[in-house]
């Protein structure tokens, strides 16, 4: 079975199995997940002569052995600082004063609240920060 080769022996035969198979007739798929190859609570999916790890958030790699650095690509804008979330599911940006948004991409327009002279003689000019 499973493309195993039958070898004729004196008074009997023997099956030589393809990689990933075992058993007298090569009928048993070897469980490559039995050795728990996935790290960091990754879930193992057995395949023929292989395995696949489904990683928890924040991990990657064949065995979920690598931590993802979401800040490596420098996603935060306007001088904000980036921090990976403790649960491993993404990042957060700490915006500098005067900026808002998930990536600190938007500047706050301080003139929207009309902080200048209410009489109308002063003109509010929005400045960075």
Foldseek 3Di string as FASTA:
>chain_A
DQPWDWADDVVDIATHEDQQFDDRPSPHGDFPCPVVQAPPPWDWDGDRNAIATHEQAQFDDRRSPDGDDQCPVVQADDPWDWDQDPSNHHIATHEDPQFDDRRSPHGDFPCVVVPDDPVPPDDDDGDRD
